[in-house]
PDB file of N, CA and C in Angstrom:
ATOM      1  N   UNK A   1      34.624  63.099  40.034  1.00  0.00           N
ATOM      2  CA  UNK A   1      34.099  63.123  41.385  1.00  0.00           C
ATOM      3  C   UNK A   1      32.726  63.785  41.412  1.00  0.00           C
ATOM      4  N   UNK A   2      32.075  63.706  42.561  1.00  0.00           N
ATOM      5  CA  UNK A   2      30.730  64.236  42.689  1.00  0.00           C
ATOM      6  C   UNK A   2      30.730  65.747  42.502  1.00  0.00           C
ATOM      7  N   UNK A   3      29.780  66.211  41.715  1.00  0.00           N
ATOM      8  CA  UNK A   3      29.621  67.636  41.463  1.00  0.00           C
ATOM      9  C   UNK A   3      28.236  68.092  41.888  1.00  0.00           C
ATOM     10  N   UNK A   4      28.200  69.105  42.727  1.00  0.00           N
ATOM     11  CA  UNK A   4      26.976  69.809  43.040  1.00  0.00           C
ATOM     12  C   UNK A   4      27.006  71.102  42.239  1.00  0.00           C
ATOM     13  N   UNK A   5      26.020  71.290  41.389  1.00  0.00           N
ATOM     14  CA  UNK A   5      26.024  72.386  40.437  1.00  0.00           C
ATOM     15  C   UNK A   5      25.062  73.464  40.896  1.00  0.00           C
ATOM     16  N   UNK A   6      25.605  74.627  41.203  1.00  0.00           N
ATOM     17  CA  UNK A   6      24.840  75.743  41.728  1.00  0.00           C
ATOM     18  C   UNK A   6      24.535  76.752  40.632  1.00  0.00           C
ATOM     19  N   UNK A   7      23.418  77.430  40.782  1.00  0.00           N
ATOM     20  CA  UNK A   7      23.052  78.498  39.871  1.00  0.00           C
ATOM     21  C   UNK A   7      22.128  79.470  40.581  1.00  0.00           C
ATOM     22  N   UNK A   8      21.966  80.648  40.004  1.00  0.00           N
ATOM     23  CA  UNK A   8      20.991  81.599  40.493  1.00  0.00           C
ATOM     24  C   UNK A   8      21.528  82.765  41.293  1.00  0.00           C
ATOM     25  N   UNK A   9      22.826  82.819  41.499  1.00  0.00           N
ATOM     26  CA  UNK A   9      23.392  83.928  42.239  1.00  0.00           C
ATOM     27  C   UNK A   9      23.435  85.190  41.401  1.00  0.00           C
ATOM     28  N   UNK A  10      23.936  86.247  42.015  1.00  0.00           N
ATOM     29  CA  UNK A  10      24.054  87.498  41.297  1.00  0.00           C
ATOM     30  C   UNK A  10      23.949  88.694  42.208  1.00  0.00           C
ATOM     31  N   UNK A  11      23.651  89.812  41.602  1.00  0.00           N
ATOM     32  CA  UNK A  11      23.550  91.095  42.287  1.00  0.00           C
ATOM     33  C   UNK A  11      22.091  91.501  42.401  1.00  0.00           C
ATOM     34  N   UNK A  12      21.702  91.917  43.587  1.00  0.00           N
ATOM     35  CA  UNK A  12      20.330  92.333  43.819  1.00  0.00           C
ATOM     36  C   UNK A  12      20.317  93.498  44.798  1.00  0.00           C
ATOM     37  N   UNK A  13      19.319  94.345  44.687  1.00  0.00           N
ATOM     38  CA  UNK A  13      19.166  95.450  45.620  1.00  0.00           C
ATOM     39  C   UNK A  13      18.605  94.967  46.945  1.00  0.00           C
ATOM     40  N   UNK A  14      18.936  95.676  48.010  1.00  0.00           N
ATOM     41  CA  UNK A  14      18.359  95.370  49.311  1.00  0.00           C
ATOM     42  C   UNK A  14      16.839  95.341  49.212  1.00  0.00           C
ATOM     43  N   UNK A  15      16.244  94.345  49.838  1.00  0.00           N
ATOM     44  CA  UNK A  15      14.807  94.153  49.770  1.00  0.00           C
ATOM     45  C   UNK A  15      14.359  93.256  48.642  1.00  0.00           C
ATOM     46  N   UNK A  16      15.262  92.942  47.745  1.00  0.00           N
ATOM     47  CA  UNK A  16      14.935  92.102  46.611  1.00  0.00           C
ATOM     48  C   UNK A  16      15.040  90.626  46.924  1.00  0.00           C
ATOM     49  N   UNK A  17      14.905  89.815  45.879  1.00  0.00           N
ATOM     50  CA  UNK A  17      14.879  88.369  46.032  1.00  0.00           C
ATOM     51  C   UNK A  17      15.786  87.691  45.025  1.00  0.00           C
ATOM     52  N   UNK A  18      16.285  86.541  45.404  1.00  0.00           N
ATOM     53  CA  UNK A  18      17.011  85.645  44.523  1.00  0.00           C
ATOM     54  C   UNK A  18      16.629  84.224  44.877  1.00  0.00           C
ATOM     55  N   UNK A  19      16.743  83.335  43.909  1.00  0.00           N
ATOM     56  CA  UNK A  19      16.561  81.918  44.170  1.00  0.00           C
ATOM     57  C   UNK A  19      17.788  81.166  43.704  1.00  0.00           C
ATOM     58  N   UNK A  20      18.427  80.477  44.631  1.00  0.00           N
ATOM     59  CA  UNK A  20      19.563  79.632  44.320  1.00  0.00           C
ATOM     60  C   UNK A  20      19.093  78.211  44.057  1.00  0.00           C
ATOM     61  N   UNK A  21      19.750  77.552  43.118  1.00  0.00           N
ATOM     62  CA  UNK A  21      19.461  76.166  42.804  1.00  0.00           C
ATOM     63  C   UNK A  21      20.731  75.342  42.928  1.00  0.00           C
ATOM     64  N   UNK A  22      20.572  74.099  43.321  1.00  0.00           N
ATOM     65  CA  UNK A  22      21.696  73.173  43.414  1.00  0.00           C
ATOM     66  C   UNK A  22      21.240  71.811  42.941  1.00  0.00           C
ATOM     67  N   UNK A  23      21.841  71.339  41.865  1.00  0.00           N
ATOM     68  CA  UNK A  23      21.528  70.027  41.324  1.00  0.00           C
ATOM     69  C   UNK A  23      22.595  69.023  41.746  1.00  0.00           C
ATOM     70  N   UNK A  24      22.165  67.856  42.160  1.00  0.00           N
ATOM     71  CA  UNK A  24      23.059  66.810  42.627  1.00  0.00           C
ATOM     72  C   UNK A  24      22.758  65.498  41.926  1.00  0.00           C
ATOM     73  N   UNK A  25      23.726  64.602  41.836  1.00  0.00           N
ATOM     74  CA  UNK A  25      23.422  63.261  41.337  1.00  0.00           C
ATOM     75  C   UNK A  25      22.336  62.616  42.180  1.00  0.00           C
ATOM     76  N   UNK A  26      21.448  61.880  41.541  1.00  0.00           N
ATOM     77  CA  UNK A  26      20.340  61.290  42.258  1.00  0.00           C
ATOM     78  C   UNK A  26      20.795  60.389  43.400  1.00  0.00           C
ATOM     79  N   UNK A  27      21.879  59.649  43.183  1.00  0.00           N
ATOM     80  CA  UNK A  27      22.374  58.743  44.209  1.00  0.00           C
ATOM     81  C   UNK A  27      22.800  59.489  45.468  1.00  0.00           C
ATOM     82  N   UNK A  28      23.215  60.716  45.312  1.00  0.00           N
ATOM     83  CA  UNK A  28      23.591  61.556  46.443  1.00  0.00           C
ATOM     84  C   UNK A  28      22.365  62.255  47.019  1.00  0.00           C
ATOM     85  N   UNK A  29      21.588  62.852  46.147  1.00  0.00           N
ATOM     86  CA  UNK A  29      20.435  63.631  46.563  1.00  0.00           C
ATOM     87  C   UNK A  29      19.450  62.797  47.374  1.00  0.00           C
ATOM     88  N   UNK A  30      19.262  61.560  46.999  1.00  0.00           N
ATOM     89  CA  UNK A  30      18.207  60.738  47.574  1.00  0.00           C
ATOM     90  C   UNK A  30      18.485  60.299  49.007  1.00  0.00           C
ATOM     91  N   UNK A  31      19.719  60.327  49.443  1.00  0.00           N
ATOM     92  CA  UNK A  31      20.056  59.826  50.775  1.00  0.00           C
ATOM     93  C   UNK A  31      20.793  60.845  51.629  1.00  0.00           C
ATOM     94  N   UNK A  32      20.939  62.052  51.158  1.00  0.00           N
ATOM     95  CA  UNK A  32      21.682  63.066  51.893  1.00  0.00           C
ATOM     96  C   UNK A  32      20.804  64.222  52.336  1.00  0.00           C
ATOM     97  N   UNK A  33      21.131  64.738  53.494  1.00  0.00           N
ATOM     98  CA  UNK A  33      20.643  66.056  53.857  1.00  0.00           C
ATOM     99  C   UNK A  33      21.269  67.082  52.922  1.00  0.00           C
ATOM    100  N   UNK A  34      20.451  67.986  52.414  1.00  0.00           N
ATOM    101  CA  UNK A  34      20.937  69.040  51.547  1.00  0.00           C
ATOM    102  C   UNK A  34      20.887  70.366  52.296  1.00  0.00           C
ATOM    103  N   UNK A  35      21.875  71.190  52.049  1.00  0.00           N
ATOM    104  CA  UNK A  35      21.915  72.457  52.750  1.00  0.00           C
ATOM    105  C   UNK A  35      22.647  73.529  51.989  1.00  0.00           C
ATOM    106  N   UNK A  36      22.505  74.730  52.503  1.00  0.00           N
ATOM    107  CA  UNK A  36      23.221  75.884  51.982  1.00  0.00           C
ATOM    108  C   UNK A  36      24.036  76.514  53.099  1.00  0.00           C
ATOM    109  N   UNK A  37      25.275  76.774  52.807  1.00  0.00           N
ATOM    110  CA  UNK A  37      26.168  77.502  53.685  1.00  0.00           C
ATOM    111  C   UNK A  37      26.598  78.779  52.986  1.00  0.00           C
ATOM    112  N   UNK A  38      27.128  79.706  53.754  1.00  0.00           N
ATOM    113  CA  UNK A  38      27.662  80.912  53.147  1.00  0.00           C
ATOM    114  C   UNK A  38      28.906  81.365  53.887  1.00  0.00           C
ATOM    115  N   UNK A  39      29.734  82.096  53.172  1.00  0.00           N
ATOM    116  CA  UNK A  39      30.965  82.610  53.742  1.00  0.00           C
ATOM    117  C   UNK A  39      31.221  84.007  53.202  1.00  0.00           C
ATOM    118  N   UNK A  40      31.229  84.967  54.101  1.00  0.00           N
ATOM    119  CA  UNK A  40      31.564  86.332  53.754  1.00  0.00           C
ATOM    120  C   UNK A  40      33.074  86.518  53.874  1.00  0.00           C
ATOM    121  N   UNK A  41      33.630  87.519  53.200  1.00  0.00           N
ATOM    122  CA  UNK A  41      35.073  87.742  53.274  1.00  0.00           C
ATOM    123  C   UNK A  41      35.559  87.890  54.713  1.00  0.00           C
ATOM    124  N   UNK A  42      36.596  87.154  55.066  1.00  0.00           N
ATOM    125  CA  UNK A  42      37.164  87.216  56.401  1.00  0.00           C
ATOM    126  C   UNK A  42      36.361  86.511  57.471  1.00  0.00           C
ATOM    127  N   UNK A  43      35.267  85.870  57.092  1.00  0.00           N
ATOM    128  CA  UNK A  43      34.405  85.200  58.057  1.00  0.00           C
ATOM    129  C   UNK A  43      34.449  83.690  57.875  1.00  0.00           C
ATOM    130  N   UNK A  44      34.002  82.978  58.894  1.00  0.00           N
ATOM    131  CA  UNK A  44      33.904  81.534  58.798  1.00  0.00           C
ATOM    132  C   UNK A  44      32.649  81.135  58.035  1.00  0.00           C
ATOM    133  N   UNK A  45      32.702  79.976  57.432  1.00  0.00           N
ATOM    134  CA  UNK A  45      31.541  79.455  56.747  1.00  0.00           C
ATOM    135  C   UNK A  45      30.456  79.104  57.767  1.00  0.00           C
ATOM    136  N   UNK A  46      29.231  79.494  57.477  1.00  0.00           N
ATOM    137  CA  UNK A  46      28.132  79.245  58.391  1.00  0.00           C
ATOM    138  C   UNK A  46      26.969  78.578  57.680  1.00  0.00           C
ATOM    139  N   UNK A  47      26.248  77.778  58.428  1.00  0.00           N
ATOM    140  CA  UNK A  47      25.047  77.143  57.899  1.00  0.00           C
ATOM    141  C   UNK A  47      23.948  78.177  57.751  1.00  0.00           C
ATOM    142  N   UNK A  48      23.335  78.202  56.587  1.00  0.00           N
ATOM    143  CA  UNK A  48      22.199  79.071  56.330  1.00  0.00           C
ATOM    144  C   UNK A  48      20.893  78.313  56.509  1.00  0.00           C
ATOM    145  N   UNK A  49      20.793  77.170  55.864  1.00  0.00           N
ATOM    146  CA  UNK A  49      19.577  76.370  55.913  1.00  0.00           C
ATOM    147  C   UNK A  49      19.894  74.950  55.495  1.00  0.00           C
ATOM    148  N   UNK A  50      19.129  74.005  55.999  1.00  0.00           N
ATOM    149  CA  UNK A  50      19.253  72.629  55.551  1.00  0.00           C
ATOM    150  C   UNK A  50      17.898  71.966  55.534  1.00  0.00           C
ATOM    151  N   UNK A  51      17.788  70.938  54.734  1.00  0.00           N
ATOM    152  CA  UNK A  51      16.547  70.190  54.625  1.00  0.00           C
ATOM    153  C   UNK A  51      16.872  68.707  54.629  1.00  0.00           C
ATOM    154  N   UNK A  52      16.213  67.977  55.523  1.00  0.00           N
ATOM    155  CA  UNK A  52      16.441  66.554  55.665  1.00  0.00           C
ATOM    156  C   UNK A  52      15.639  65.774  54.629  1.00  0.00           C
ATOM    157  N   UNK A  53      15.945  64.487  54.522  1.00  0.00           N
ATOM    158  CA  UNK A  53      15.195  63.622  53.617  1.00  0.00           C
ATOM    159  C   UNK A  53      13.711  63.635  53.970  1.00  0.00           C
ATOM    160  N   UNK A  54      13.414  63.748  55.249  1.00  0.00           N
ATOM    161  CA  UNK A  54      12.037  63.791  55.717  1.00  0.00           C
ATOM    162  C   UNK A  54      11.310  65.061  55.302  1.00  0.00           C
ATOM    163  N   UNK A  55      12.064  66.072  54.902  1.00  0.00           N
ATOM    164  CA  UNK A  55      11.485  67.355  54.569  1.00  0.00           C
ATOM    165  C   UNK A  55      11.564  68.382  55.672  1.00  0.00           C
ATOM    166  N   UNK A  56      11.968  67.976  56.851  1.00  0.00           N
ATOM    167  CA  UNK A  56      12.125  68.938  57.934  1.00  0.00           C
ATOM    168  C   UNK A  56      13.278  69.884  57.621  1.00  0.00           C
ATOM    169  N   UNK A  57      13.180  71.096  58.126  1.00  0.00           N
ATOM    170  CA  UNK A  57      14.141  72.136  57.787  1.00  0.00           C
ATOM    171  C   UNK A  57      14.707  72.802  59.028  1.00  0.00           C
ATOM    172  N   UNK A  58      15.871  73.380  58.862  1.00  0.00           N
ATOM    173  CA  UNK A  58      16.505  74.191  59.889  1.00  0.00           C
ATOM    174  C   UNK A  58      17.083  75.431  59.234  1.00  0.00           C
ATOM    175  N   UNK A  59      17.007  76.551  59.937  1.00  0.00           N
ATOM    176  CA  UNK A  59      17.491  77.821  59.419  1.00  0.00           C
ATOM    177  C   UNK A  59      18.339  78.533  60.448  1.00  0.00           C
ATOM    178  N   UNK A  60      19.323  79.265  59.956  1.00  0.00           N
ATOM    179  CA  UNK A  60      20.018  80.192  60.823  1.00  0.00           C
ATOM    180  C   UNK A  60      19.046  81.263  61.292  1.00  0.00           C
ATOM    181  N   UNK A  61      19.221  81.709  62.525  1.00  0.00           N
ATOM    182  CA  UNK A  61      18.323  82.732  63.059  1.00  0.00           C
ATOM    183  C   UNK A  61      18.292  83.977  62.181  1.00  0.00           C
ATOM    184  N   UNK A  62      19.405  84.296  61.570  1.00  0.00           N
ATOM    185  CA  UNK A  62      19.508  85.517  60.787  1.00  0.00           C
ATOM    186  C   UNK A  62      18.664  85.500  59.515  1.00  0.00           C
ATOM    187  N   UNK A  63      18.225  84.325  59.076  1.00  0.00           N
ATOM    188  CA  UNK A  63      17.464  84.241  57.834  1.00  0.00           C
ATOM    189  C   UNK A  63      16.052  83.729  58.028  1.00  0.00           C
ATOM    190  N   UNK A  64      15.684  83.365  59.241  1.00  0.00           N
ATOM    191  CA  UNK A  64      14.339  82.858  59.495  1.00  0.00           C
ATOM    192  C   UNK A  64      13.290  83.880  59.098  1.00  0.00           C
ATOM    193  N   UNK A  65      12.287  83.404  58.397  1.00  0.00           N
ATOM    194  CA  UNK A  65      11.223  84.274  57.932  1.00  0.00           C
ATOM    195  C   UNK A  65      11.506  84.932  56.606  1.00  0.00           C
ATOM    196  N   UNK A  66      12.734  84.862  56.138  1.00  0.00           N
ATOM    197  CA  UNK A  66      13.111  85.478  54.869  1.00  0.00           C
ATOM    198  C   UNK A  66      13.514  84.450  53.814  1.00  0.00           C
ATOM    199  N   UNK A  67      14.180  83.388  54.247  1.00  0.00           N
ATOM    200  CA  UNK A  67      14.668  82.367  53.330  1.00  0.00           C
ATOM    201  C   UNK A  67      13.847  81.096  53.479  1.00  0.00           C
ATOM    202  N   UNK A  68      13.698  80.373  52.381  1.00  0.00           N
ATOM    203  CA  UNK A  68      13.013  79.094  52.383  1.00  0.00           C
ATOM    204  C   UNK A  68      13.820  78.086  51.586  1.00  0.00           C
ATOM    205  N   UNK A  69      14.124  76.957  52.203  1.00  0.00           N
ATOM    206  CA  UNK A  69      14.806  75.881  51.508  1.00  0.00           C
ATOM    207  C   UNK A  69      13.780  74.814  51.139  1.00  0.00           C
ATOM    208  N   UNK A  70      13.944  74.231  49.969  1.00  0.00           N
ATOM    209  CA  UNK A  70      13.020  73.202  49.516  1.00  0.00           C
ATOM    210  C   UNK A  70      13.745  72.209  48.626  1.00  0.00           C
ATOM    211  N   UNK A  71      13.142  71.045  48.480  1.00  0.00           N
ATOM    212  CA  UNK A  71      13.691  69.997  47.615  1.00  0.00           C
ATOM    213  C   UNK A  71      12.685  69.677  46.526  1.00  0.00           C
ATOM    214  N   UNK A  72      13.158  69.594  45.292  1.00  0.00           N
ATOM    215  CA  UNK A  72      12.359  69.081  44.201  1.00  0.00           C
ATOM    216  C   UNK A  72      12.953  67.724  43.851  1.00  0.00           C
ATOM    217  N   UNK A  73      12.358  66.678  44.391  1.00  0.00           N
ATOM    218  CA  UNK A  73      12.971  65.359  44.318  1.00  0.00           C
ATOM    219  C   UNK A  73      13.081  64.822  42.894  1.00  0.00           C
ATOM    220  N   UNK A  74      12.094  65.094  42.069  1.00  0.00           N
ATOM    221  CA  UNK A  74      12.116  64.595  40.699  1.00  0.00           C
ATOM    222  C   UNK A  74      13.243  65.220  39.887  1.00  0.00           C
ATOM    223  N   UNK A  75      13.687  66.400  40.284  1.00  0.00           N
ATOM    224  CA  UNK A  75      14.766  67.091  39.585  1.00  0.00           C
ATOM    225  C   UNK A  75      16.107  66.975  40.297  1.00  0.00           C
ATOM    226  N   UNK A  76      16.136  66.269  41.415  1.00  0.00           N
ATOM    227  CA  UNK A  76      17.360  66.142  42.209  1.00  0.00           C
ATOM    228  C   UNK A  76      17.959  67.514  42.504  1.00  0.00           C
ATOM    229  N   UNK A  77      17.108  68.427  42.877  1.00  0.00           N
ATOM    230  CA  UNK A  77      17.512  69.820  43.035  1.00  0.00           C
ATOM    231  C   UNK A  77      17.000  70.383  44.349  1.00  0.00           C
ATOM    232  N   UNK A  78      17.859  71.132  45.005  1.00  0.00           N
ATOM    233  CA  UNK A  78      17.474  71.864  46.205  1.00  0.00           C
ATOM    234  C   UNK A  78      17.509  73.351  45.883  1.00  0.00           C
ATOM    235  N   UNK A  79      16.556  74.089  46.438  1.00  0.00           N
ATOM    236  CA  UNK A  79      16.444  75.510  46.185  1.00  0.00           C
ATOM    237  C   UNK A  79      16.580  76.291  47.484  1.00  0.00           C
ATOM    238  N   UNK A  80      17.054  77.489  47.354  1.00  0.00           N
ATOM    239  CA  UNK A  80      17.026  78.435  48.456  1.00  0.00           C
ATOM    240  C   UNK A  80      16.396  79.723  47.941  1.00  0.00           C
ATOM    241  N   UNK A  81      15.157  79.943  48.338  1.00  0.00           N
ATOM    242  CA  UNK A  81      14.464  81.174  47.991  1.00  0.00           C
ATOM    243  C   UNK A  81      14.828  82.220  49.022  1.00  0.00           C
ATOM    244  N   UNK A  82      15.407  83.310  48.577  1.00  0.00           N
ATOM    245  CA  UNK A  82      15.886  84.360  49.461  1.00  0.00           C
ATOM    246  C   UNK A  82      15.088  85.631  49.185  1.00  0.00           C
ATOM    247  N   UNK A  83      14.305  86.037  50.161  1.00  0.00           N
ATOM    248  CA  UNK A  83      13.497  87.239  50.058  1.00  0.00           C
ATOM    249  C   UNK A  83      13.975  88.278  51.061  1.00  0.00           C
ATOM    250  N   UNK A  84      13.557  89.501  50.850  1.00  0.00           N
ATOM    251  CA  UNK A  84      13.909  90.601  51.747  1.00  0.00           C
ATOM    252  C   UNK A  84      15.403  90.628  52.034  1.00  0.00           C
ATOM    253  N   UNK A  85      16.179  90.539  50.986  1.00  0.00           N
ATOM    254  CA  UNK A  85      17.624  90.444  51.141  1.00  0.00           C
ATOM    255  C   UNK A  85      18.214  91.707  51.744  1.00  0.00           C
ATOM    256  N   UNK A  86      19.237  91.499  52.540  1.00  0.00           N
ATOM    257  CA  UNK A  86      19.945  92.569  53.226  1.00  0.00           C
ATOM    258  C   UNK A  86      21.408  92.568  52.802  1.00  0.00           C
ATOM    259  N   UNK A  87      22.078  93.709  52.900  1.00  0.00           N
ATOM    260  CA  UNK A  87      23.504  93.739  52.559  1.00  0.00           C
ATOM    261  C   UNK A  87      24.324  92.706  53.317  1.00  0.00           C
ATOM    262  N   UNK A  88      23.957  92.411  54.550  1.00  0.00           N
ATOM    263  CA  UNK A  88      24.696  91.425  55.326  1.00  0.00           C
ATOM    264  C   UNK A  88      24.511  89.995  54.830  1.00  0.00           C
ATOM    265  N   UNK A  89      23.612  89.786  53.880  1.00  0.00           N
ATOM    266  CA  UNK A  89      23.489  88.484  53.234  1.00  0.00           C
ATOM    267  C   UNK A  89      24.545  88.270  52.153  1.00  0.00           C
ATOM    268  N   UNK A  90      25.277  89.309  51.834  1.00  0.00           N
ATOM    269  CA  UNK A  90      26.318  89.207  50.815  1.00  0.00           C
ATOM    270  C   UNK A  90      27.365  88.182  51.230  1.00  0.00           C
ATOM    271  N   UNK A  91      27.598  87.210  50.375  1.00  0.00           N
ATOM    272  CA  UNK A  91      28.536  86.132  50.673  1.00  0.00           C
ATOM    273  C   UNK A  91      28.634  85.216  49.472  1.00  0.00           C
ATOM    274  N   UNK A  92      29.573  84.300  49.537  1.00  0.00           N
ATOM    275  CA  UNK A  92      29.591  83.175  48.623  1.00  0.00           C
ATOM    276  C   UNK A  92      28.765  82.071  49.255  1.00  0.00           C
ATOM    277  N   UNK A  93      27.802  81.572  48.522  1.00  0.00           N
ATOM    278  CA  UNK A  93      26.914  80.536  49.011  1.00  0.00           C
ATOM    279  C   UNK A  93      27.327  79.187  48.443  1.00  0.00           C
ATOM    280  N   UNK A  94      27.374  78.191  49.313  1.00  0.00           N
ATOM    281  CA  UNK A  94      27.825  76.858  48.946  1.00  0.00           C
ATOM    282  C   UNK A  94      26.719  75.839  49.182  1.00  0.00           C
ATOM    283  N   UNK A  95      26.454  75.043  48.185  1.00  0.00           N
ATOM    284  CA  UNK A  95      25.546  73.917  48.337  1.00  0.00           C
ATOM    285  C   UNK A  95      26.286  72.770  49.017  1.00  0.00           C
ATOM    286  N   UNK A  96      25.591  72.054  49.878  1.00  0.00           N
ATOM    287  CA  UNK A  96      26.188  70.957  50.628  1.00  0.00           C
ATOM    288  C   UNK A  96      25.266  69.749  50.650  1.00  0.00           C
ATOM    289  N   UNK A  97      25.863  68.580  50.511  1.00  0.00           N
ATOM    290  CA  UNK A  97      25.167  67.318  50.720  1.00  0.00           C
ATOM    291  C   UNK A  97      25.875  66.579  51.829  1.00  0.00           C
ATOM    292  N   UNK A  98      25.121  66.153  52.824  1.00  0.00           N
ATOM    293  CA  UNK A  98      25.719  65.532  53.996  1.00  0.00           C
ATOM    294  C   UNK A  98      24.988  64.270  54.409  1.00  0.00           C
ATOM    295  N   UNK A  99      25.761  63.256  54.726  1.00  0.00           N
ATOM    296  CA  UNK A  99      25.246  62.065  55.369  1.00  0.00           C
ATOM    297  C   UNK A  99      26.346  61.512  56.256  1.00  0.00           C
ATOM    298  N   UNK A 100      26.069  61.480  57.560  1.00  0.00           N
ATOM    299  CA  UNK A 100      27.040  61.014  58.528  1.00  0.00           C
ATOM    300  C   UNK A 100      28.327  61.843  58.381  1.00  0.00           C
ATOM    301  N   UNK A 101      29.452  61.229  58.059  1.00  0.00           N
ATOM    302  CA  UNK A 101      30.702  61.967  57.905  1.00  0.00           C
ATOM    303  C   UNK A 101      30.992  62.345  56.455  1.00  0.00           C
ATOM    304  N   UNK A 102      30.058  62.027  55.566  1.00  0.00           N
ATOM    305  CA  UNK A 102      30.291  62.265  54.154  1.00  0.00           C
ATOM    306  C   UNK A 102      29.713  63.613  53.742  1.00  0.00           C
ATOM    307  N   UNK A 103      30.531  64.437  53.137  1.00  0.00           N
ATOM    308  CA  UNK A 103      30.129  65.755  52.694  1.00  0.00           C
ATOM    309  C   UNK A 103      30.555  66.001  51.263  1.00  0.00           C
ATOM    310  N   UNK A 104      29.669  66.585  50.499  1.00  0.00           N
ATOM    311  CA  UNK A 104      29.951  67.027  49.144  1.00  0.00           C
ATOM    312  C   UNK A 104      29.596  68.502  49.052  1.00  0.00           C
ATOM    313  N   UNK A 105      30.390  69.242  48.304  1.00  0.00           N
ATOM    314  CA  UNK A 105      30.235  70.688  48.231  1.00  0.00           C
ATOM    315  C   UNK A 105      30.173  71.177  46.799  1.00  0.00           C
ATOM    316  N   UNK A 106      29.376  72.198  46.601  1.00  0.00           N
ATOM    317  CA  UNK A 106      29.427  72.935  45.361  1.00  0.00           C
ATOM    318  C   UNK A 106      30.621  73.875  45.349  1.00  0.00           C
ATOM    319  N   UNK A 107      30.861  74.474  44.204  1.00  0.00           N
ATOM    320  CA  UNK A 107      32.008  75.355  44.049  1.00  0.00           C
ATOM    321  C   UNK A 107      31.799  76.712  44.716  1.00  0.00           C
ATOM    322  N   UNK A 108      30.578  77.070  44.937  1.00  0.00           N
ATOM    323  CA  UNK A 108      30.250  78.348  45.531  1.00  0.00           C
ATOM    324  C   UNK A 108      29.720  79.311  44.494  1.00  0.00           C
ATOM    325  N   UNK A 109      28.751  80.113  44.893  1.00  0.00           N
ATOM    326  CA  UNK A 109      28.152  81.088  43.992  1.00  0.00           C
ATOM    327  C   UNK A 109      27.969  82.404  44.732  1.00  0.00           C
ATOM    328  N   UNK A 110      28.335  83.488  44.074  1.00  0.00           N
ATOM    329  CA  UNK A 110      28.327  84.797  44.710  1.00  0.00           C
ATOM    330  C   UNK A 110      26.921  85.379  44.771  1.00  0.00           C
ATOM    331  N   UNK A 111      26.570  85.872  45.942  1.00  0.00           N
ATOM    332  CA  UNK A 111      25.361  86.667  46.129  1.00  0.00           C
ATOM    333  C   UNK A 111      25.789  88.013  46.689  1.00  0.00           C
ATOM    334  N   UNK A 112      25.437  89.064  45.992  1.00  0.00           N
ATOM    335  CA  UNK A 112      25.784  90.410  46.425  1.00  0.00           C
ATOM    336  C   UNK A 112      24.514  91.236  46.547  1.00  0.00           C
ATOM    337  N   UNK A 113      24.318  91.824  47.719  1.00  0.00           N
ATOM    338  CA  UNK A 113      23.147  92.646  47.981  1.00  0.00           C
ATOM    339  C   UNK A 113      23.608  94.075  48.190  1.00  0.00           C
ATOM    340  N   UNK A 114      23.178  94.956  47.330  1.00  0.00           N
ATOM    341  CA  UNK A 114      23.571  96.354  47.410  1.00  0.00           C
ATOM    342  C   UNK A 114      22.609  97.137  48.287  1.00  0.00           C
ATOM    343  N   UNK A 115      23.138  98.120  48.992  1.00  0.00           N
ATOM    344  CA  UNK A 115      22.332  98.946  49.880  1.00  0.00           C
ATOM    345  C   UNK A 115      21.846 100.203  49.183  1.00  0.00           C
TER     346      UNK A 115
END
């Protein structure tokens, strides 16, 4: 089945930066909106950022000005650059590919921000 492969998570100090990567099959990447979601323990999964095929982006209010989502089309990869990280950013981050009712998910990658 379709695999979205995530990398780049880990432990970082508050104020630091991480970059998450998500590689997708080209057939999926080329026609899907790509996004990042996150889920903290005991919380619901929430949208962090997404990027449309057109390149337009949307961000959760909590990450605006700190996170940047981008697509590298030649590599079939979406990135989430996370700067000025806060402890409340700690969560499992999930890569998502969406088109209409079709959704594909990565396995999730841990991001931990220490205070």
